[in-house]
Protein backbone atom coordinates (compact mmCIF):
# COMPACT_ATOMS: atom_id res chain seq x y z
CA MET A 1 -1.55 -28.32 -5.76
CA THR A 2 -1.34 -27.46 -9.44
CA MET A 3 -2.51 -24.16 -10.88
CA GLU A 4 -5.32 -25.98 -12.71
CA LYS A 5 -6.61 -27.47 -9.45
CA ILE A 6 -6.41 -24.08 -7.77
CA LYS A 7 -8.42 -22.54 -10.62
CA GLU A 8 -11.08 -25.23 -10.36
CA LEU A 9 -11.27 -24.83 -6.60
CA PHE A 10 -11.52 -21.07 -7.03
CA LYS A 11 -14.38 -21.45 -9.52
CA ARG A 12 -16.20 -23.94 -7.30
CA ILE A 13 -16.04 -22.17 -3.94
CA LEU A 14 -16.27 -18.52 -4.92
CA PRO A 15 -19.84 -17.22 -4.76
CA GLU A 16 -21.31 -16.17 -8.10
CA ALA A 17 -21.84 -12.61 -6.86
CA VAL A 18 -18.12 -12.27 -6.15
CA LYS A 19 -17.20 -13.74 -9.52
CA ASN A 20 -19.45 -11.19 -11.20
CA HIS A 21 -17.50 -8.36 -9.53
CA ILE A 22 -14.12 -9.62 -10.63
CA ARG A 23 -13.22 -7.75 -13.78
CA ASN A 24 -10.18 -9.72 -14.74
CA GLU A 25 -10.51 -13.34 -13.64
CA LYS A 26 -7.25 -14.28 -15.33
CA ASP A 27 -5.32 -11.78 -13.22
CA VAL A 28 -7.00 -12.97 -10.04
CA LEU A 29 -6.27 -16.60 -10.86
CA GLN A 30 -2.62 -15.83 -11.58
CA ARG A 31 -2.28 -14.02 -8.25
CA LEU A 32 -4.22 -16.58 -6.24
CA PRO A 33 -1.23 -18.73 -5.15
CA GLN A 34 0.61 -15.59 -4.05
CA ASP A 35 -2.49 -14.35 -2.20
CA LEU A 36 -2.91 -17.70 -0.47
CA GLU A 37 0.71 -17.56 0.65
CA ALA A 38 0.07 -14.09 2.03
CA PHE A 39 -3.02 -15.29 3.88
CA ILE A 40 -1.14 -17.92 5.86
CA ASP A 41 2.14 -16.05 6.37
CA PRO A 42 2.76 -15.30 10.10
CA VAL A 43 4.49 -12.00 9.31
CA ARG A 44 1.38 -10.84 7.49
CA ARG A 45 -0.79 -11.83 10.42
CA ASN A 46 1.42 -9.78 12.77
CA THR A 47 1.24 -6.88 10.33
CA ILE A 48 -2.55 -7.04 10.28
CA SER A 49 -2.57 -6.92 14.08
CA SER A 50 -0.19 -3.97 14.26
CA ILE A 51 -1.97 -2.00 11.55
CA LYS A 52 -5.24 -2.03 13.49
CA LYS A 53 -4.00 0.84 15.65
CA PHE A 54 -4.33 3.10 12.59
CA HIS A 55 -7.99 2.25 11.99
CA ASN A 56 -10.00 5.45 12.55
CA ALA A 57 -6.93 7.10 14.11
CA HIS A 58 -7.90 10.39 12.48
CA ASN A 59 -11.64 9.91 12.32
CA GLY A 60 -13.34 13.27 11.83
CA GLU A 61 -10.04 15.02 11.07
CA ARG A 62 -8.69 16.28 7.78
CA CYS A 63 -6.13 14.13 5.97
CA PHE A 64 -4.37 14.92 2.71
CA VAL A 65 -2.82 12.62 0.14
CA ILE A 66 0.22 14.09 -1.59
CA GLY A 67 1.11 12.44 -4.87
CA ASN A 68 4.21 12.92 -6.94
CA GLY A 69 5.14 14.81 -10.02
CA PRO A 70 6.69 18.00 -11.27
CA SER A 71 3.63 20.09 -10.35
CA LEU A 72 4.55 19.75 -6.67
CA GLN A 73 7.58 21.95 -7.31
CA ASN A 74 5.18 24.79 -8.17
CA THR A 75 2.71 24.16 -5.35
CA ASP A 76 2.85 25.88 -1.98
CA MET A 77 2.52 23.06 0.52
CA THR A 78 3.24 25.06 3.67
CA ASN A 79 -0.43 24.95 4.72
CA LEU A 80 -0.13 21.17 5.05
CA ARG A 81 2.72 21.34 7.58
CA ASN A 82 0.43 20.75 10.59
CA GLU A 83 -2.07 18.50 8.85
CA TYR A 84 -2.18 14.72 8.60
CA THR A 85 -0.59 13.80 5.29
CA PHE A 86 0.02 10.64 3.31
CA GLY A 87 3.00 10.94 0.99
CA LEU A 88 3.29 8.60 -1.97
CA ASN A 89 6.22 6.76 -3.51
CA ARG A 90 9.35 8.94 -3.45
CA ILE A 91 7.82 11.97 -1.72
CA TYR A 92 10.57 11.77 0.89
CA LEU A 93 12.93 13.32 -1.69
CA MET A 94 10.96 16.55 -1.22
CA PHE A 95 10.84 16.61 2.58
CA GLN A 96 13.61 19.19 2.82
CA ASP A 97 11.98 21.45 0.23
CA LEU A 98 8.56 21.02 1.84
CA GLY A 99 9.93 21.89 5.26
CA PHE A 100 8.19 18.89 6.80
CA SER A 101 7.84 15.17 6.37
CA THR A 102 4.48 13.60 5.71
CA SER A 103 2.69 11.87 8.56
CA TYR A 104 2.68 8.58 6.67
CA PHE A 105 4.45 6.99 3.72
CA VAL A 106 2.54 4.89 1.17
CA SER A 107 3.70 2.91 -1.85
CA ILE A 108 2.11 0.04 -3.69
CA ASN A 109 4.43 0.46 -6.66
CA ASP A 110 6.68 -2.59 -6.51
CA LEU A 111 9.39 -0.98 -8.62
CA VAL A 112 9.57 2.12 -6.42
CA VAL A 113 9.84 -0.04 -3.30
CA GLU A 114 12.47 -2.29 -4.86
CA GLN A 115 14.62 0.62 -6.06
CA SER A 116 14.23 2.67 -2.88
CA ALA A 117 14.06 0.01 -0.16
CA ALA A 118 16.93 1.40 1.94
CA ASP A 119 15.56 4.96 1.78
CA ILE A 120 12.07 3.78 2.70
CA GLN A 121 13.31 1.69 5.62
CA ALA A 122 15.20 4.74 6.93
CA LEU A 123 12.06 6.90 7.08
CA ASP A 124 11.04 7.68 10.64
CA ILE A 125 7.30 7.67 9.91
CA PRO A 126 4.72 4.88 9.65
CA LYS A 127 5.04 3.12 6.31
CA PHE A 128 2.44 1.30 4.26
CA VAL A 129 3.79 -0.76 1.37
CA SER A 130 2.20 -3.54 -0.61
CA TRP A 131 2.53 -7.11 0.59
CA ARG A 132 4.16 -7.97 -2.74
CA SER A 133 7.06 -5.70 -1.81
CA ARG A 134 7.72 -7.23 1.60
CA LYS A 135 11.08 -8.75 0.61
């Protein structure tokens, strides 16, 4: 199926209300073939099944998202040691300084995942990375 046919199909079948919420139709149309591939991929289906165990896993509990940046070097994070934490991108480089590892690792930055794939795979915590970075 050509990209033009995919675009026409997309425009025909997508409800108007959804189209109105899409801010950048061009971006969506460019990603559509990739998204369709993701939808039918068996690995993705297995991932969706396995990720369900995390749904509401900490419902009613406090969770903290720890970003990145130089300000973390000047921030006392010891109070987060026994909390549920989501560390982003290359946070694992600070685990020793923090005195703990985060509960979860998250990265949707394709470049970070590509450059740090071996380090990320070695982490002994649940990892959430974008589908685009699966390879």
